[in-house]
Amino acid sequence: MPRRTKGLGSLIKLKNSPFWQARFYDQMGRKISISTKTTVKQEAEAFLRRQMADVRDKGLAPLSDLRRITYRDLRAGLIASYVEKGNKSLKTRANGEETIVGLPQLDEFFQYSAENAGPSIVQIGTDMARKFVAERQATGAGNAVINRSLACLRRMLRIAYEDAKIQNVPIIRLLKEPPPRRGFVELEQFDELVGWLPSHLRPYVTFLYHCGGRSGEAELIEWSQVDLHRAVIRLEDDQTKNKEARVVPLPEQLLLMLAAIEPKSGRVFDTTNLRKEWQRACAGCGLGRIIEVEGKKYDPRYEGLTLHDMRRSAARNLLLAGVPETLIMRIGGWKTRSVFDRYAVANTADLTAAMQRWEDFAKNLPPQTVRYSLGKLEDKKPRATRTKLLKSK
């Protein structure tokens, strides 16, 4: 057999293996040995050329190294990216572990733990994502919830690609989500809801409902930012989602609650046991329901009112009170009109009341103005018909 040209790598057959083994050296002089997973020499040659091009020309990790990269490494890269960017969606659990919405479900699926690093990156791809979706849907999870996990997985793989750890990014397709939520709470319903909540959560939920603040922003507010005499709270730019500081006016009901809190140091709002107490209160007043899940006695599924619906309710309430939209956007921190329009929802009663206000307004117009409006509409009719109408008046 003729000797291969130096620098082009080699193919060999190992004992007890039917596949060709590809061997070559990278730019650092390290020997790379990879199974081609094929018994056809022409296919093995093509595999060898692709690997050498990826490793030498593109600086990518060889396939043999890829198999050593695990889900744990992908997860660590995602957490590190969130820390570097200062993303507020990065949460810290009671045990000190950092996590992101959608990540715990991935951890469970890949059986990740302190002892188990999870599968190799070569096993994580489109097919694995489809399997994850099927398992989550079987438990009754909605598309929006599943997408939060898929977004985490997609971002993990993208970071690994940007760090030249993988040669390409597997396609992770998101599911079609339902339209944005349109829920809101009438004042009477809100008062009943507050009555079901424990006292330590009432100021926090009241702030969300009347001031339209984001839940994450509210949790970060310190007492040094509260001015009870001027009835305002100042949110700093590093606390807000759009990185812009703003002043939030406080209603009298919330001022009385805050005045009663002692000591006035540290975080303003106590959110201890928030998730469990919120679900229980919503279920108690008919704004939600708790669904028992087989095998998860202490982790039931919840459907109904969410904390984010409080923000939507604040936008609607301020609009109904006649507050200019520009001021509402400044109070709640909506930066663009398109996003604000998604929150400024209206029910049938609101629309009917709006039309009634127009009719009441029209009744008070001078007669000649009304006749002029009718005449403009009649201009589109044939001349003979228009003349007949005017004579009848």
Protein backbone atom coordinates (compact mmCIF):
# COMPACT_ATOMS: atom_id res chain seq x y z
CA MET A 1 0.00 0.00 0.00
CA PRO A 2 1.49 3.40 -0.97
CA ARG A 3 2.38 5.69 1.91
CA ARG A 4 0.07 8.71 2.39
CA THR A 5 1.53 12.18 1.84
CA LYS A 6 2.71 13.79 5.05
CA GLY A 7 0.18 16.24 6.49
CA LEU A 8 -2.88 14.57 4.98
CA GLY A 9 -3.61 12.36 7.97
CA SER A 10 -4.11 8.60 7.89
CA LEU A 11 -6.73 5.87 8.09
CA ILE A 12 -6.16 2.70 10.04
CA LYS A 13 -8.11 -0.34 11.16
CA LEU A 14 -8.05 -1.21 14.86
CA LYS A 15 -8.47 -4.71 16.24
CA ASN A 16 -12.03 -5.68 17.19
CA SER A 17 -13.48 -2.69 15.31
CA PRO A 18 -15.04 -2.79 11.82
CA PHE A 19 -14.73 0.99 11.37
CA TRP A 20 -11.89 3.04 9.91
CA GLN A 21 -9.99 5.19 12.41
CA ALA A 22 -8.98 8.71 11.27
CA ARG A 23 -5.74 10.16 12.64
CA PHE A 24 -4.06 13.54 12.10
CA TYR A 25 -2.30 16.33 14.01
CA ASP A 26 -3.80 19.71 14.86
CA GLN A 27 -2.03 23.08 14.68
CA MET A 28 -0.60 22.59 18.18
CA GLY A 29 0.91 19.27 17.21
CA ARG A 30 -1.58 17.23 19.21
CA LYS A 31 -2.52 13.85 17.79
CA ILE A 32 -6.23 13.52 17.00
CA SER A 33 -7.76 10.06 16.70
CA ILE A 34 -11.45 9.71 15.75
CA SER A 35 -13.60 6.78 14.70
CA THR A 36 -15.21 7.48 11.33
CA LYS A 37 -18.14 5.15 12.15
CA THR A 38 -17.99 3.72 8.63
CA THR A 39 -16.51 0.63 6.99
CA VAL A 40 -16.37 2.25 3.53
CA LYS A 41 -12.93 3.71 2.88
CA GLN A 42 -14.16 6.45 0.52
CA GLU A 43 -16.58 7.69 3.18
CA ALA A 44 -13.82 7.50 5.78
CA GLU A 45 -11.55 9.60 3.52
CA ALA A 46 -14.26 12.27 3.19
CA PHE A 47 -14.78 12.27 6.97
CA LEU A 48 -11.04 12.70 7.55
CA ARG A 49 -10.85 15.68 5.16
CA ARG A 50 -13.83 17.39 6.83
CA GLN A 51 -12.34 16.93 10.30
CA MET A 52 -8.96 18.25 9.28
CA ALA A 53 -10.54 21.29 7.62
CA ASP A 54 -12.63 22.07 10.69
CA VAL A 55 -9.78 21.64 13.16
CA ARG A 56 -6.90 23.17 11.18
CA ASP A 57 -8.58 25.82 9.03
CA LYS A 58 -11.52 26.89 11.21
CA GLY A 59 -9.93 26.27 14.61
CA LEU A 60 -12.88 24.15 15.77
CA ALA A 61 -12.67 21.38 18.33
CA PRO A 62 -12.22 17.87 16.91
CA LEU A 63 -15.07 15.40 17.24
CA SER A 64 -13.11 13.42 19.83
CA ASP A 65 -13.06 16.53 22.05
CA LEU A 66 -16.74 17.20 21.43
CA ARG A 67 -17.68 13.93 23.04
CA ARG A 68 -16.06 15.17 26.25
CA ILE A 69 -18.27 18.28 26.31
CA THR A 70 -21.41 17.58 28.34
CA TYR A 71 -24.70 19.22 29.19
CA ARG A 72 -23.03 20.50 32.37
CA ASP A 73 -20.53 22.47 30.25
CA LEU A 74 -23.32 23.94 28.10
CA ARG A 75 -25.27 24.90 31.21
CA ALA A 76 -22.24 26.54 32.81
CA GLY A 77 -21.67 28.58 29.65
CA LEU A 78 -25.26 29.82 29.71
CA ILE A 79 -25.07 30.87 33.37
CA ALA A 80 -21.73 32.61 32.76
CA SER A 81 -23.23 34.55 29.83
CA TYR A 82 -26.14 35.75 31.96
CA VAL A 83 -23.74 36.82 34.73
CA GLU A 84 -21.50 38.71 32.27
CA LYS A 85 -24.45 40.60 30.79
CA GLY A 86 -26.10 41.24 34.15
CA ASN A 87 -29.41 39.76 33.00
CA LYS A 88 -32.05 40.21 35.69
CA SER A 89 -33.79 37.00 34.67
CA LEU A 90 -30.97 35.09 36.38
CA LYS A 91 -32.37 33.99 39.72
CA THR A 92 -30.66 32.61 42.82
CA ARG A 93 -32.38 29.78 44.67
CA ALA A 94 -32.50 29.39 48.44
CA ASN A 95 -29.57 26.96 48.26
CA GLY A 96 -27.45 29.55 46.42
CA GLU A 97 -27.71 27.88 43.01
CA GLU A 98 -28.25 30.20 40.04
CA THR A 99 -30.98 29.33 37.56
CA ILE A 100 -33.07 30.73 34.70
CA VAL A 101 -36.73 30.32 33.77
CA GLY A 102 -37.01 27.09 31.78
CA LEU A 103 -33.67 25.69 32.93
CA PRO A 104 -34.91 23.39 35.74
CA GLN A 105 -37.04 21.47 33.24
CA LEU A 106 -33.99 20.90 31.05
CA ASP A 107 -32.00 19.77 34.09
CA GLU A 108 -34.65 17.19 34.88
CA PHE A 109 -34.88 15.97 31.29
CA PHE A 110 -31.10 15.55 30.90
CA GLN A 111 -30.90 14.06 34.42
CA TYR A 112 -28.40 16.72 35.46
CA SER A 113 -27.14 16.75 39.04
CA ALA A 114 -23.96 17.33 41.02
CA GLU A 115 -23.04 13.70 40.34
CA ASN A 116 -24.29 13.45 36.74
CA ALA A 117 -22.96 15.79 34.02
CA GLY A 118 -25.69 14.78 31.59
CA PRO A 119 -25.27 13.56 27.99
CA SER A 120 -22.48 14.46 25.60
CA ILE A 121 -23.01 17.44 23.32
CA VAL A 122 -22.99 15.13 20.29
CA GLN A 123 -26.25 13.64 21.60
CA ILE A 124 -27.94 17.01 22.07
CA GLY A 125 -29.63 18.21 18.91
CA THR A 126 -32.88 18.54 17.01
CA ASP A 127 -34.10 15.02 17.77
CA MET A 128 -33.34 15.39 21.46
CA ALA A 129 -35.26 18.69 21.51
CA ARG A 130 -38.27 17.00 19.90
CA LYS A 131 -38.17 14.30 22.56
CA PHE A 132 -38.08 16.96 25.28
CA VAL A 133 -41.13 18.68 23.76
CA ALA A 134 -43.06 15.41 23.61
CA GLU A 135 -42.34 14.60 27.27
CA ARG A 136 -43.29 18.08 28.45
CA GLN A 137 -46.51 18.09 26.44
CA ALA A 138 -47.39 14.71 27.93
CA THR A 139 -47.33 16.33 31.38
CA GLY A 140 -49.76 19.04 30.24
CA ALA A 141 -47.21 21.87 29.90
CA GLY A 142 -48.24 24.66 27.51
CA ASN A 143 -46.27 25.77 24.48
CA ALA A 144 -45.22 29.07 26.03
CA VAL A 145 -43.73 27.31 29.06
CA ILE A 146 -41.96 24.73 26.88
CA ASN A 147 -40.52 27.50 24.70
CA ARG A 148 -38.76 29.05 27.68
CA SER A 149 -36.77 25.82 28.05
CA LEU A 150 -36.15 25.51 24.31
CA ALA A 151 -34.85 29.08 24.28
CA CYS A 152 -32.37 28.16 27.03
CA LEU A 153 -31.20 25.12 25.07
CA ARG A 154 -30.87 27.13 21.86
CA ARG A 155 -28.85 29.80 23.66
CA MET A 156 -26.56 27.18 25.24
CA LEU A 157 -25.70 25.76 21.83
CA ARG A 158 -25.21 29.22 20.32
CA ILE A 159 -22.73 30.15 23.08
CA ALA A 160 -20.82 26.88 22.53
CA TYR A 161 -20.63 27.70 18.80
CA GLU A 162 -19.42 31.25 19.46
CA ASP A 163 -16.73 29.80 21.76
CA ALA A 164 -15.65 27.45 18.90
CA LYS A 165 -16.55 24.37 20.92
CA ILE A 166 -18.96 22.98 18.32
CA GLN A 167 -18.87 23.10 14.53
CA ASN A 168 -22.50 24.05 13.94
CA VAL A 169 -25.64 24.91 15.87
CA PRO A 170 -28.39 22.27 15.80
CA ILE A 171 -31.81 23.58 14.79
CA ILE A 172 -34.06 24.00 17.83
CA ARG A 173 -37.56 24.94 16.70
CA LEU A 174 -39.84 26.85 19.05
CA LEU A 175 -43.52 25.97 19.30
CA LYS A 176 -46.34 28.26 18.26
CA GLU A 177 -47.47 30.19 21.30
CA PRO A 178 -50.98 31.40 22.07
CA PRO A 179 -51.74 35.13 21.66
CA PRO A 180 -50.45 37.44 24.45
CA ARG A 181 -52.48 37.26 27.63
CA ARG A 182 -55.35 39.73 27.84
CA GLY A 183 -56.32 39.19 31.46
CA PHE A 184 -56.89 41.94 33.98
CA VAL A 185 -58.58 42.37 37.34
CA GLU A 186 -61.42 44.71 38.26
CA LEU A 187 -60.91 46.73 41.45
CA GLU A 188 -63.60 44.79 43.31
CA GLN A 189 -61.92 41.49 42.38
CA PHE A 190 -58.54 42.83 43.42
CA ASP A 191 -59.80 43.88 46.85
CA GLU A 192 -61.11 40.35 47.39
CA LEU A 193 -57.81 38.86 46.22
CA VAL A 194 -55.81 40.99 48.65
CA GLY A 195 -58.02 39.72 51.46
CA TRP A 196 -56.94 36.16 50.68
CA LEU A 197 -53.22 37.03 50.72
CA PRO A 198 -51.08 36.96 53.88
CA SER A 199 -50.30 40.41 55.23
CA HIS A 200 -46.61 40.41 54.24
CA LEU A 201 -47.48 40.01 50.53
CA ARG A 202 -50.18 42.68 50.33
CA PRO A 203 -47.88 45.72 49.83
CA TYR A 204 -46.01 43.95 47.03
CA VAL A 205 -49.13 42.92 45.10
CA THR A 206 -50.73 46.34 45.68
CA PHE A 207 -47.68 48.02 44.15
CA LEU A 208 -47.95 45.82 41.07
CA TYR A 209 -51.68 46.45 40.66
CA HIS A 210 -51.78 50.22 41.15
CA CYS A 211 -48.34 51.25 39.86
CA GLY A 212 -47.86 48.77 37.02
CA GLY A 213 -44.35 47.82 38.11
CA ARG A 214 -42.61 44.66 36.96
CA SER A 215 -42.35 41.96 39.60
CA GLY A 216 -38.57 41.71 39.25
CA GLU A 217 -38.15 45.47 39.62
CA ALA A 218 -40.35 45.57 42.71
CA GLU A 219 -38.35 42.86 44.45
CA LEU A 220 -35.16 44.95 44.18
CA ILE A 221 -36.53 48.16 45.72
CA GLU A 222 -34.71 49.30 48.88
CA TRP A 223 -36.11 51.58 51.58
CA SER A 224 -33.54 54.23 50.62
CA GLN A 225 -35.47 54.64 47.35
CA VAL A 226 -38.81 55.33 49.06
CA ASP A 227 -39.97 58.86 49.83
CA LEU A 228 -43.17 58.58 51.87
CA HIS A 229 -43.52 62.37 52.21
CA ARG A 230 -43.54 62.91 48.43
CA ALA A 231 -45.34 59.57 47.90
CA VAL A 232 -42.88 58.28 45.31
CA ILE A 233 -40.39 55.47 44.74
CA ARG A 234 -37.35 56.03 42.54
CA LEU A 235 -36.21 53.06 40.46
CA GLU A 236 -32.56 53.24 39.41
CA ASP A 237 -31.41 52.46 35.88
CA ASP A 238 -29.72 49.23 36.94
CA GLN A 239 -33.02 47.97 38.39
CA THR A 240 -35.23 48.48 35.35
CA LYS A 241 -35.62 46.28 32.29
CA ASN A 242 -35.06 49.13 29.82
CA LYS A 243 -32.06 50.51 31.78
CA GLU A 244 -33.80 53.84 32.39
CA ALA A 245 -34.41 55.29 35.86
CA ARG A 246 -37.92 56.47 36.65
CA VAL A 247 -40.07 57.82 39.47
CA VAL A 248 -43.20 55.88 40.42
CA PRO A 249 -46.01 57.70 42.28
CA LEU A 250 -47.68 55.79 45.11
CA PRO A 251 -51.43 55.59 45.88
CA GLU A 252 -52.68 56.36 49.38
CA GLN A 253 -53.60 52.72 50.05
CA LEU A 254 -50.01 51.63 49.48
CA LEU A 255 -48.58 54.56 51.46
CA LEU A 256 -50.51 53.43 54.54
CA MET A 257 -49.20 49.89 54.13
CA LEU A 258 -45.59 51.06 53.76
CA ALA A 259 -45.83 53.43 56.71
CA ALA A 260 -46.81 50.52 58.94
CA ILE A 261 -43.79 48.38 58.00
CA GLU A 262 -40.94 48.31 60.49
CA PRO A 263 -37.97 48.39 60.40
CA LYS A 264 -37.51 50.43 57.27
CA SER A 265 -34.21 48.91 56.14
CA GLY A 266 -33.15 46.57 53.37
CA ARG A 267 -35.68 45.42 50.77
CA VAL A 268 -39.11 47.06 50.89
CA PHE A 269 -41.28 44.18 49.75
CA ASP A 270 -41.32 40.76 51.41
CA THR A 271 -42.03 38.03 48.84
CA THR A 272 -41.59 35.01 51.10
CA ASN A 273 -43.50 31.97 49.79
CA LEU A 274 -44.95 34.15 47.02
CA ARG A 275 -45.73 31.46 44.43
CA LYS A 276 -47.61 29.14 46.77
CA GLU A 277 -49.56 31.90 48.52
CA TRP A 278 -50.45 33.60 45.22
CA GLN A 279 -51.88 30.42 43.76
CA ARG A 280 -53.82 29.65 46.93
CA ALA A 281 -55.30 33.18 47.06
CA CYS A 282 -56.30 33.17 43.36
CA ALA A 283 -57.94 29.78 43.74
CA GLY A 284 -59.74 30.97 46.87
CA CYS A 285 -61.39 33.94 45.16
CA GLY A 286 -62.11 32.18 41.87
CA LEU A 287 -59.38 33.79 39.77
CA GLY A 288 -57.40 30.60 39.29
CA ARG A 289 -57.31 26.90 40.00
CA ILE A 290 -54.78 24.44 41.35
CA ILE A 291 -54.57 21.10 39.50
CA GLU A 292 -53.05 18.10 41.25
CA VAL A 293 -50.38 16.30 39.18
CA GLU A 294 -49.91 12.58 39.63
CA GLY A 295 -46.56 11.83 41.20
CA LYS A 296 -46.01 15.48 42.20
CA LYS A 297 -47.93 15.89 45.41
CA TYR A 298 -46.14 19.08 46.43
CA ASP A 299 -45.81 20.61 42.94
CA PRO A 300 -49.32 20.97 41.46
CA ARG A 301 -50.05 22.70 38.17
CA TYR A 302 -51.67 26.15 38.30
CA GLU A 303 -53.93 27.90 35.80
CA GLY A 304 -55.34 31.38 36.16
CA LEU A 305 -54.38 34.93 37.09
CA THR A 306 -50.67 35.75 37.05
CA LEU A 307 -48.64 38.45 38.73
CA HIS A 308 -47.98 39.99 35.32
CA ASP A 309 -51.74 40.49 34.93
CA MET A 310 -51.41 43.11 37.68
CA ARG A 311 -49.24 45.20 35.37
CA ARG A 312 -51.81 44.91 32.61
CA SER A 313 -54.56 45.92 35.04
CA ALA A 314 -52.63 49.04 36.07
CA ALA A 315 -52.37 50.20 32.46
CA ARG A 316 -56.09 49.73 31.91
CA ASN A 317 -57.09 51.39 35.19
CA LEU A 318 -55.01 54.50 34.51
CA LEU A 319 -56.41 54.75 30.98
CA LEU A 320 -59.98 54.53 32.27
CA ALA A 321 -59.20 57.28 34.76
CA GLY A 322 -58.22 59.56 31.88
CA VAL A 323 -54.47 59.64 32.53
CA PRO A 324 -52.57 60.54 29.31
CA GLU A 325 -50.88 57.56 27.71
CA THR A 326 -47.46 59.21 27.76
CA LEU A 327 -47.63 59.53 31.55
CA ILE A 328 -48.85 55.93 31.96
CA MET A 329 -45.89 54.73 29.90
CA ARG A 330 -43.51 56.69 32.13
CA ILE A 331 -45.06 55.34 35.35
CA GLY A 332 -44.96 51.71 34.25
CA GLY A 333 -41.72 51.88 32.29
CA TRP A 334 -43.13 51.06 28.84
CA LYS A 335 -40.55 52.30 26.36
CA THR A 336 -42.37 51.80 23.06
CA ARG A 337 -45.97 52.38 22.08
CA SER A 338 -46.27 48.98 20.41
CA VAL A 339 -45.49 47.17 23.66
CA PHE A 340 -47.75 49.45 25.69
CA ASP A 341 -50.67 48.74 23.34
CA ARG A 342 -50.47 45.06 24.29
CA TYR A 343 -51.11 46.00 27.93
CA ALA A 344 -53.79 48.62 27.39
CA VAL A 345 -56.55 46.03 27.04
CA ALA A 346 -60.26 46.74 27.11
CA ASN A 347 -63.31 44.57 27.67
CA THR A 348 -66.72 44.86 26.04
CA ALA A 349 -67.98 47.20 28.75
CA ASP A 350 -65.05 49.57 28.13
CA LEU A 351 -65.78 49.71 24.42
CA THR A 352 -69.49 50.24 24.95
CA ALA A 353 -68.78 53.03 27.43
CA ALA A 354 -66.44 54.66 24.93
CA MET A 355 -69.17 54.74 22.29
CA GLN A 356 -71.64 56.11 24.83
CA ARG A 357 -69.24 58.95 25.64
CA TRP A 358 -69.11 59.81 21.94
CA GLU A 359 -72.90 59.79 21.65
CA ASP A 360 -73.22 62.03 24.70
CA PHE A 361 -70.66 64.36 23.16
CA ALA A 362 -72.47 64.42 19.80
CA LYS A 363 -75.78 65.35 21.46
CA ASN A 364 -74.23 68.57 22.74
CA LEU A 365 -72.87 69.65 19.35
CA PRO A 366 -74.47 72.70 17.63
CA PRO A 367 -77.26 71.68 15.17
CA GLN A 368 -75.42 73.04 12.14
CA THR A 369 -72.41 70.81 12.95
CA VAL A 370 -74.60 67.71 12.98
CA ARG A 371 -76.30 68.73 9.70
CA TYR A 372 -72.91 69.32 8.13
CA SER A 373 -71.77 65.82 9.14
CA LEU A 374 -74.94 64.29 7.67
CA GLY A 375 -74.52 66.32 4.50
CA LYS A 376 -70.94 65.06 4.06
CA LEU A 377 -72.18 61.48 4.32
CA GLU A 378 -75.00 62.20 1.84
CA ASP A 379 -72.53 63.56 -0.75
CA LYS A 380 -71.86 59.96 -1.75
CA LYS A 381 -75.52 59.44 -2.71
CA PRO A 382 -76.93 60.20 -6.23
CA ARG A 383 -77.85 63.90 -6.70
CA ALA A 384 -81.62 63.26 -7.02
CA THR A 385 -81.68 61.27 -3.78
CA ARG A 386 -79.60 63.90 -1.95
CA THR A 387 -81.92 66.72 -3.06
CA LYS A 388 -84.95 64.79 -1.88
CA LEU A 389 -83.37 64.22 1.52
CA LEU A 390 -82.49 67.87 1.98
CA LYS A 391 -86.02 69.01 1.03
CA SER A 392 -87.51 66.63 3.56
CA LYS A 393 -85.55 68.39 6.28
